[in-house]
């Protein structure tokens, strides 16, 4: 019991003497750089639309008319054949009636012929209504494309959008639950490709990609009975296809706009992360840490003011310098040191964040490696958590140098 009490006392003593890290969830704005550079002389862009679905409409009309004509010819052939059969039966009936009449007139007993029985006449079923793609106007498409950091207008680069027809439409039924809780869920799968090509007057085509050339899904209602769904479908089939086309195109343009802004735009973004300081500690003075943290926040708040953080650079450098000064007394082996392994790893993480927004990715990576190997799990996890974002920011920064 005495040993346990002593152990607990020592544990409490150590904890009371250990530095407590202050985790601060922070957010700041920045302008995300594009993954691909467009010559800075081009500040405007024009959206041009190729209505590829119109060709599909024309093809559909041609095929539809051809099938309708073939169906009419087939019906006419069957009907004429039926008329010939009817004529043969009618002639035979008339001959039978003539024989009956002659016999009756001569006073001879005869049986009245029965009325003729005809084969079923062919029925012309109305040909299914033709579905074509609704026409878009160029302005309607252009309004959905807004490239951050550029203005719409003539004299810049051109974004060509080739809008294909919606195809491979299929309703999928899924039965879920059991007994009284059974529901029939429906969704519609489809494909609606948009071909995007970007070209500049001096470089020609710099981007050429078919987007959304895979299966997409459109949400539908659920029903307690599949027959209830079928009754709904009878009344709403035409409207459904119009709604599907409208929403599918809207979703496609949103995706295209997101991809283009990710690839070429200067997009305002919000960064949410953690920065660290040391809580008030009676054994050591950490006012320099507080000042460095404050300088860090002031620097990061300036990051949003321009694309390449020129306005923020002096403050970023000042904050980096303050953290490096504190690291001058780093002691990773003495847990009781003012700047021990925990405080050092904390500073490594803060420094890496500052260096990323300064564009100094080699040193940011160095400090991330130091944080991962300082032996403090908290900051190892932090380093692993931010790796993907830092790597993405590096690609974007370096793309602008080319």
Protein backbone atom coordinates (compact mmCIF):
# COMPACT_ATOMS: atom_id res chain seq x y z
CA UNK A 1 0.00 0.00 0.00
CA UNK A 2 2.87 2.32 0.85
CA UNK A 3 4.49 1.64 -2.53
CA UNK A 4 1.26 2.46 -4.35
CA UNK A 5 0.85 5.69 -2.40
CA UNK A 6 4.43 6.69 -3.18
CA UNK A 7 3.92 5.92 -6.88
CA UNK A 8 0.76 8.01 -7.03
CA UNK A 9 2.50 10.87 -5.26
CA UNK A 10 5.39 10.82 -7.71
CA UNK A 11 3.00 10.66 -10.65
CA UNK A 12 1.06 13.67 -9.43
CA UNK A 13 4.30 15.52 -8.76
CA UNK A 14 5.61 14.82 -12.25
CA UNK A 15 2.36 15.90 -13.84
CA UNK A 16 2.28 19.08 -11.82
CA UNK A 17 5.80 19.90 -13.02
CA UNK A 18 5.17 18.96 -16.66
CA UNK A 19 4.43 21.56 -19.28
CA UNK A 20 0.82 21.52 -20.43
CA UNK A 21 0.34 22.18 -24.11
CA UNK A 22 -2.44 24.53 -25.08
CA UNK A 23 -4.20 23.13 -28.15
CA UNK A 24 -5.80 25.91 -30.15
CA UNK A 25 -8.18 25.17 -32.98
CA UNK A 26 -7.67 27.99 -35.43
CA UNK A 27 -9.01 28.93 -38.83
CA UNK A 28 -7.78 31.38 -41.41
CA UNK A 29 -8.49 32.14 -45.04
CA UNK A 30 -6.14 31.66 -47.97
CA UNK A 31 -6.26 31.71 -51.76
CA UNK A 32 -5.71 28.21 -53.09
CA UNK A 33 -3.32 28.19 -56.01
CA UNK A 34 -4.16 26.15 -59.11
CA UNK A 35 -2.54 22.87 -60.02
CA UNK A 36 -1.90 24.09 -63.54
CA UNK A 37 -0.64 27.51 -64.51
CA UNK A 38 -2.29 29.72 -67.10
CA UNK A 39 -0.08 32.44 -68.53
CA UNK A 40 -0.62 35.47 -66.26
CA UNK A 41 -1.15 37.73 -69.29
CA UNK A 42 -4.57 36.11 -69.68
CA UNK A 43 -6.93 37.48 -67.08
CA UNK A 44 -10.16 36.81 -68.97
CA UNK A 45 -11.87 33.71 -70.30
CA UNK A 46 -14.70 32.93 -72.67
CA UNK A 47 -17.03 29.93 -72.43
CA UNK A 48 -18.02 28.32 -75.71
CA UNK A 49 -20.58 25.53 -75.93
CA UNK A 50 -20.70 22.63 -78.36
CA UNK A 51 -24.23 21.19 -78.25
CA UNK A 52 -23.25 17.61 -79.10
CA UNK A 53 -26.62 16.37 -77.89
CA UNK A 54 -28.22 18.08 -80.92
CA UNK A 55 -26.52 15.58 -83.20
CA UNK A 56 -27.89 12.82 -81.00
CA UNK A 57 -31.33 14.42 -81.32
CA UNK A 58 -31.05 14.42 -85.09
CA UNK A 59 -29.92 10.79 -85.08
CA UNK A 60 -32.82 9.93 -82.77
CA UNK A 61 -35.31 11.64 -85.08
CA UNK A 62 -33.90 9.77 -88.08
CA UNK A 63 -34.03 6.42 -86.30
CA UNK A 64 -37.46 7.18 -84.86
CA UNK A 65 -38.94 8.11 -88.25
CA UNK A 66 -37.35 5.07 -89.84
CA UNK A 67 -38.80 2.75 -87.19
CA UNK A 68 -42.18 4.45 -87.35
CA UNK A 69 -42.25 4.13 -91.13
CA UNK A 70 -41.24 0.47 -90.90
CA UNK A 71 -43.95 -0.14 -88.27
CA UNK A 72 -46.56 1.54 -90.51
CA UNK A 73 -45.47 -0.53 -93.51
CA UNK A 74 -45.62 -3.71 -91.44
CA UNK A 75 -49.13 -2.81 -90.24
CA UNK A 76 -50.27 -1.97 -93.78
CA UNK A 77 -48.94 -5.33 -95.02
CA UNK A 78 -50.68 -7.24 -92.23
CA UNK A 79 -53.92 -5.29 -92.73
CA UNK A 80 -53.94 -5.88 -96.49
CA UNK A 81 -53.30 -9.56 -95.89
CA UNK A 82 -56.21 -9.58 -93.45
CA UNK A 83 -58.44 -7.87 -96.03
CA UNK A 84 -57.56 -10.59 -98.56
CA UNK A 85 -58.46 -13.27 -96.02
CA UNK A 86 -61.72 -11.46 -95.25
CA UNK A 87 -62.49 -11.16 -98.95
CA UNK A 88 -62.02 -14.92 -99.44
CA UNK A 89 -64.33 -15.66 -96.48
CA UNK A 90 -66.90 -13.12 -97.72
CA UNK A 91 -66.85 -14.60 -101.25
CA UNK A 92 -67.29 -18.09 -99.89
CA UNK A 93 -70.18 -16.88 -97.70
CA UNK A 94 -71.83 -15.20 -100.69
CA UNK A 95 -71.48 -18.38 -102.77
CA UNK A 96 -72.98 -20.41 -99.92
CA UNK A 97 -75.86 -17.90 -99.66
CA UNK A 98 -76.38 -18.06 -103.42
CA UNK A 99 -76.64 -21.86 -103.31
CA UNK A 100 -79.01 -21.59 -100.36
CA UNK A 101 -81.20 -19.09 -102.19
CA UNK A 102 -81.31 -21.20 -105.37
CA UNK A 103 -82.28 -24.30 -103.42
CA UNK A 104 -84.98 -22.46 -101.51
CA UNK A 105 -86.41 -20.93 -104.68
CA UNK A 106 -86.58 -24.41 -106.23
CA UNK A 107 -88.48 -25.71 -103.21
CA UNK A 108 -85.57 -27.84 -102.05
CA UNK A 109 -84.79 -28.04 -98.33
CA UNK A 110 -81.49 -26.29 -97.48
CA UNK A 111 -79.58 -25.10 -94.39
CA UNK A 112 -79.03 -21.38 -93.96
CA UNK A 113 -75.26 -20.71 -93.94
CA UNK A 114 -73.89 -19.32 -90.70
CA UNK A 115 -72.48 -15.79 -90.61
CA UNK A 116 -68.83 -15.61 -91.61
CA UNK A 117 -66.14 -15.72 -88.91
CA UNK A 118 -63.13 -13.57 -89.60
CA UNK A 119 -59.58 -13.86 -88.19
CA UNK A 120 -58.66 -11.10 -85.74
CA UNK A 121 -57.78 -7.93 -87.53
CA UNK A 122 -54.31 -6.47 -86.87
CA UNK A 123 -54.25 -3.53 -84.46
CA UNK A 124 -51.93 -0.60 -84.98
CA UNK A 125 -50.34 0.23 -81.66
CA UNK A 126 -49.40 3.90 -81.31
CA UNK A 127 -45.64 4.24 -81.70
CA UNK A 128 -43.92 5.22 -78.42
CA UNK A 129 -43.31 8.94 -78.11
CA UNK A 130 -39.81 10.01 -79.04
CA UNK A 131 -37.56 11.43 -76.34
CA UNK A 132 -34.93 13.96 -77.28
CA UNK A 133 -32.53 16.07 -75.25
CA UNK A 134 -33.84 19.48 -74.28
CA UNK A 135 -31.92 22.32 -75.88
CA UNK A 136 -29.70 24.56 -73.77
CA UNK A 137 -28.77 28.12 -74.59
CA UNK A 138 -25.13 29.18 -74.37
CA UNK A 139 -25.74 31.71 -71.61
CA UNK A 140 -27.40 29.06 -69.47
CA UNK A 141 -24.24 26.95 -69.65
CA UNK A 142 -21.83 29.87 -69.29
CA UNK A 143 -23.55 31.06 -66.11
CA UNK A 144 -22.63 27.76 -64.45
CA UNK A 145 -18.90 28.21 -65.09
CA UNK A 146 -17.18 30.74 -62.85
CA UNK A 147 -13.40 30.49 -62.67
CA UNK A 148 -12.09 32.12 -59.51
CA UNK A 149 -9.39 34.72 -60.07
CA UNK A 150 -10.43 35.47 -63.66
CA UNK A 151 -13.06 37.61 -65.37
CA UNK A 152 -15.41 36.58 -68.16
CA UNK A 153 -14.73 38.40 -71.39
CA UNK A 154 -13.05 38.34 -74.77
CA UNK A 155 -9.35 38.40 -75.43
CA UNK A 156 -8.26 35.73 -72.99
CA UNK A 157 -8.32 31.95 -72.98
CA UNK A 158 -11.27 29.81 -74.08
CA UNK A 159 -13.12 27.13 -72.16
CA UNK A 160 -14.87 24.82 -74.62
CA UNK A 161 -17.66 22.68 -73.17
CA UNK A 162 -19.04 19.85 -75.26
CA UNK A 163 -22.37 18.79 -73.76
CA UNK A 164 -23.19 15.20 -74.68
CA UNK A 165 -26.63 13.57 -74.51
CA UNK A 166 -27.76 11.75 -71.40
CA UNK A 167 -27.58 8.01 -71.99
CA UNK A 168 -27.68 4.55 -70.37
CA UNK A 169 -30.68 5.56 -68.26
CA UNK A 170 -31.81 2.69 -66.04
CA UNK A 171 -34.17 2.51 -63.05
CA UNK A 172 -32.90 0.25 -60.27
CA UNK A 173 -35.32 -1.27 -57.75
CA UNK A 174 -34.15 -2.48 -54.34
CA UNK A 175 -36.40 -4.30 -51.89
CA UNK A 176 -35.58 -3.65 -48.24
CA UNK A 177 -36.98 -4.78 -44.92
CA UNK A 178 -39.50 -7.53 -44.25
CA UNK A 179 -43.19 -7.91 -43.51
CA UNK A 180 -45.06 -4.67 -42.96
CA UNK A 181 -41.77 -2.73 -43.01
CA UNK A 182 -40.90 -3.69 -46.60
CA UNK A 183 -40.05 -0.74 -48.81
CA UNK A 184 -39.11 -0.56 -52.47
CA UNK A 185 -36.34 1.94 -53.06
CA UNK A 186 -35.66 3.35 -56.50
CA UNK A 187 -32.77 5.19 -58.04
CA UNK A 188 -31.90 6.05 -61.59
CA UNK A 189 -28.46 5.53 -63.03
CA UNK A 190 -27.29 7.42 -66.08
CA UNK A 191 -24.24 8.73 -67.90
CA UNK A 192 -23.90 12.37 -68.95
CA UNK A 193 -20.40 13.20 -70.21
CA UNK A 194 -19.12 16.76 -70.52
CA UNK A 195 -16.00 17.21 -72.63
CA UNK A 196 -13.86 20.13 -71.48
CA UNK A 197 -11.08 21.71 -73.48
CA UNK A 198 -9.11 24.82 -72.53
CA UNK A 199 -6.87 26.65 -74.97
CA UNK A 200 -4.93 29.89 -74.92
CA UNK A 201 -3.95 32.03 -77.91
CA UNK A 202 -0.25 31.28 -77.41
CA UNK A 203 -0.10 27.76 -75.95
CA UNK A 204 -2.97 26.09 -77.73
CA UNK A 205 -4.79 23.31 -75.88
CA UNK A 206 -3.61 23.04 -72.27
CA UNK A 207 -6.45 20.87 -70.94
CA UNK A 208 -8.59 18.26 -72.67
CA UNK A 209 -10.68 15.86 -70.66
CA UNK A 210 -14.00 14.03 -70.80
CA UNK A 211 -15.61 14.32 -67.38
CA UNK A 212 -18.42 12.24 -65.89
CA UNK A 213 -18.06 9.47 -68.45
CA UNK A 214 -19.13 6.98 -65.81
CA UNK A 215 -22.33 6.02 -64.04
CA UNK A 216 -24.02 8.71 -61.95
CA UNK A 217 -27.10 8.31 -59.77
CA UNK A 218 -30.31 10.29 -59.43
CA UNK A 219 -32.37 9.90 -56.25
CA UNK A 220 -36.00 8.82 -56.42
CA UNK A 221 -38.78 8.17 -53.91
CA UNK A 222 -39.37 4.96 -51.96
CA UNK A 223 -42.71 3.14 -51.98
CA UNK A 224 -44.42 0.58 -49.78
CA UNK A 225 -45.49 -1.35 -52.87
CA UNK A 226 -43.87 -1.73 -56.28
CA UNK A 227 -47.32 -1.43 -57.84
CA UNK A 228 -47.70 1.95 -56.20
CA UNK A 229 -44.47 2.95 -57.95
CA UNK A 230 -45.75 1.58 -61.27
CA UNK A 231 -48.95 3.61 -60.92
CA UNK A 232 -46.85 6.73 -60.25
CA UNK A 233 -44.70 5.94 -63.28
CA UNK A 234 -47.74 5.75 -65.57
CA UNK A 235 -48.62 9.35 -64.73
CA UNK A 236 -45.13 10.81 -64.43
CA UNK A 237 -42.84 9.12 -66.96
CA UNK A 238 -42.50 12.14 -69.26
CA UNK A 239 -42.00 14.59 -66.40
CA UNK A 240 -39.50 12.26 -64.76
CA UNK A 241 -37.20 12.32 -67.77
CA UNK A 242 -37.32 16.10 -67.93
CA UNK A 243 -36.54 16.36 -64.20
CA UNK A 244 -33.74 13.83 -64.53
CA UNK A 245 -32.17 15.69 -67.44
CA UNK A 246 -32.40 19.07 -65.69
CA UNK A 247 -30.88 17.83 -62.42
CA UNK A 248 -28.25 15.70 -64.16
CA UNK A 249 -27.05 18.67 -66.20
CA UNK A 250 -27.03 20.91 -63.14
CA UNK A 251 -24.95 18.38 -61.20
CA UNK A 252 -22.61 17.94 -64.17
CA UNK A 253 -21.95 21.67 -64.50
CA UNK A 254 -21.29 21.93 -60.74
CA UNK A 255 -18.70 19.14 -61.02
CA UNK A 256 -17.08 20.71 -64.08
CA UNK A 257 -16.88 24.07 -62.31
CA UNK A 258 -15.29 22.45 -59.23
CA UNK A 259 -12.73 20.58 -61.31
CA UNK A 260 -11.79 23.67 -63.30
CA UNK A 261 -11.40 25.77 -60.15
CA UNK A 262 -9.31 23.06 -58.51
CA UNK A 263 -7.14 22.83 -61.60
CA UNK A 264 -6.90 26.46 -62.74
CA UNK A 265 -8.69 28.78 -60.32
CA UNK A 266 -7.47 30.99 -57.50
CA UNK A 267 -10.10 29.90 -55.03
CA UNK A 268 -10.73 31.47 -51.59
CA UNK A 269 -10.53 28.69 -49.00
CA UNK A 270 -10.72 28.25 -45.24
CA UNK A 271 -7.96 26.41 -43.42
CA UNK A 272 -8.82 24.78 -40.09
CA UNK A 273 -6.01 23.30 -38.02
CA UNK A 274 -4.36 23.30 -34.60
CA UNK A 275 -1.58 25.56 -33.38
CA UNK A 276 0.11 25.12 -30.06
CA UNK A 277 1.36 27.14 -27.11
CA UNK A 278 2.29 26.38 -23.50
CA UNK A 279 -0.20 27.04 -20.73
CA UNK A 280 0.85 29.17 -17.78
CA UNK A 281 3.59 27.27 -15.94
CA UNK A 282 4.96 28.30 -12.56
CA UNK A 283 8.42 26.77 -12.98
CA UNK A 284 9.33 28.52 -16.24
CA UNK A 285 8.45 31.70 -18.05
CA UNK A 286 6.88 31.07 -21.46
CA UNK A 287 6.06 34.63 -22.39
CA UNK A 288 8.30 34.25 -25.46
CA UNK A 289 6.17 31.29 -26.56
CA UNK A 290 3.03 33.39 -26.13
CA UNK A 291 4.56 36.19 -28.20
CA UNK A 292 5.60 33.75 -30.92
CA UNK A 293 2.11 32.24 -30.97
CA UNK A 294 0.54 35.70 -31.27
CA UNK A 295 2.95 36.57 -34.09
CA UNK A 296 2.01 33.32 -35.80
CA UNK A 297 -1.68 34.11 -35.70
CA UNK A 298 -1.07 37.63 -37.00
CA UNK A 299 0.99 36.25 -39.88
CA UNK A 300 -1.56 33.61 -40.85
CA UNK A 301 -4.37 36.15 -40.85
CA UNK A 302 -2.43 38.03 -43.56
CA UNK A 303 -2.16 34.97 -45.82
CA UNK A 304 -5.52 35.65 -47.48
CA UNK A 305 -4.59 39.10 -48.74
CA UNK A 306 -2.88 38.02 -51.97
CA UNK A 307 -2.23 34.89 -53.98
CA UNK A 308 1.44 34.44 -53.25
CA UNK A 309 1.34 35.79 -49.67
CA UNK A 310 3.64 38.74 -50.39
CA UNK A 311 1.83 40.88 -47.82
CA UNK A 312 2.17 38.15 -45.21
CA UNK A 313 5.87 37.34 -45.86
CA UNK A 314 7.40 39.82 -43.37
CA UNK A 315 5.11 38.62 -40.58
CA UNK A 316 5.67 34.97 -41.49
CA UNK A 317 9.43 35.52 -41.33
CA UNK A 318 9.11 37.33 -37.99
CA UNK A 319 7.06 34.52 -36.43
CA UNK A 320 9.41 31.85 -37.81
CA UNK A 321 12.38 33.73 -36.33
CA UNK A 322 10.75 33.85 -32.89
CA UNK A 323 10.08 30.11 -32.85
CA UNK A 324 13.62 29.35 -33.99
CA UNK A 325 15.03 31.50 -31.21
CA UNK A 326 13.10 29.45 -28.66
CA UNK A 327 14.30 26.23 -30.29
CA UNK A 328 17.86 27.40 -29.59
CA UNK A 329 17.52 25.96 -26.08
CA UNK A 330 15.77 22.74 -27.19
CA UNK A 331 16.73 19.72 -25.06
CA UNK A 332 15.08 16.49 -26.22
CA UNK A 333 16.65 14.27 -23.56
CA UNK A 334 15.83 16.28 -20.45
CA UNK A 335 12.11 16.06 -19.82
CA UNK A 336 12.43 18.73 -17.14
CA UNK A 337 14.01 21.29 -19.50
CA UNK A 338 12.09 24.42 -20.37
CA UNK A 339 12.12 23.48 -24.07
CA UNK A 340 11.93 19.73 -23.70
CA UNK A 341 10.86 17.15 -26.27
CA UNK A 342 7.17 18.04 -25.90
CA UNK A 343 7.67 21.79 -26.33
CA UNK A 344 10.17 21.21 -29.14
CA UNK A 345 7.76 18.96 -31.06
CA UNK A 346 5.03 21.55 -30.56
CA UNK A 347 7.26 24.23 -32.09
CA UNK A 348 8.19 21.94 -35.00
CA UNK A 349 4.49 21.70 -35.90
CA UNK A 350 3.93 25.45 -35.63
CA UNK A 351 7.01 26.16 -37.72
CA UNK A 352 5.96 23.72 -40.44
CA UNK A 353 2.58 25.46 -40.75
CA UNK A 354 4.25 28.86 -41.15
CA UNK A 355 6.81 27.58 -43.62
CA UNK A 356 4.14 25.99 -45.84
CA UNK A 357 2.41 29.34 -46.31
CA UNK A 358 5.79 30.94 -46.98
CA UNK A 359 6.40 28.42 -49.75
CA UNK A 360 9.43 26.89 -48.01
CA UNK A 361 8.34 23.29 -48.31
CA UNK A 362 11.73 21.65 -47.85
CA UNK A 363 12.12 23.15 -44.38
CA UNK A 364 8.45 22.50 -43.59
CA UNK A 365 9.03 18.84 -44.41
CA UNK A 366 12.15 18.82 -42.26
CA UNK A 367 10.21 20.08 -39.24
CA UNK A 368 7.42 17.60 -39.87
CA UNK A 369 9.99 14.79 -39.81
CA UNK A 370 11.41 16.17 -36.57
CA UNK A 371 7.92 16.26 -35.05
CA UNK A 372 7.28 12.68 -36.12
CA UNK A 373 10.53 11.50 -34.54
CA UNK A 374 10.52 13.55 -31.34
CA UNK A 375 8.88 10.73 -29.42
CA UNK A 376 5.68 12.64 -28.63
CA UNK A 377 2.66 10.78 -30.04
CA UNK A 378 0.42 13.85 -30.05
CA UNK A 379 2.66 15.71 -32.49
CA UNK A 380 3.48 12.63 -34.52
CA UNK A 381 -0.26 12.30 -35.15
CA UNK A 382 -0.45 15.99 -36.05
CA UNK A 383 2.38 15.62 -38.56
CA UNK A 384 0.73 12.62 -40.20
CA UNK A 385 -2.60 14.43 -40.30
CA UNK A 386 -1.32 17.44 -42.25
CA UNK A 387 0.98 15.61 -44.66
CA UNK A 388 -1.56 15.30 -47.48
CA UNK A 389 -2.53 18.99 -47.37
CA UNK A 390 1.09 20.13 -47.27
CA UNK A 391 1.94 17.89 -50.24
CA UNK A 392 -1.01 19.33 -52.18
CA UNK A 393 0.01 22.90 -51.37
CA UNK A 394 3.55 22.13 -52.52
CA UNK A 395 2.30 20.89 -55.91
CA UNK A 396 0.24 24.03 -56.34
CA UNK A 397 3.04 26.39 -55.32
CA UNK A 398 5.59 24.73 -57.58
CA UNK A 399 3.15 24.65 -60.51
CA UNK A 400 3.20 28.46 -60.53
CA UNK A 401 6.98 28.54 -60.96
CA UNK A 402 6.92 26.84 -64.34
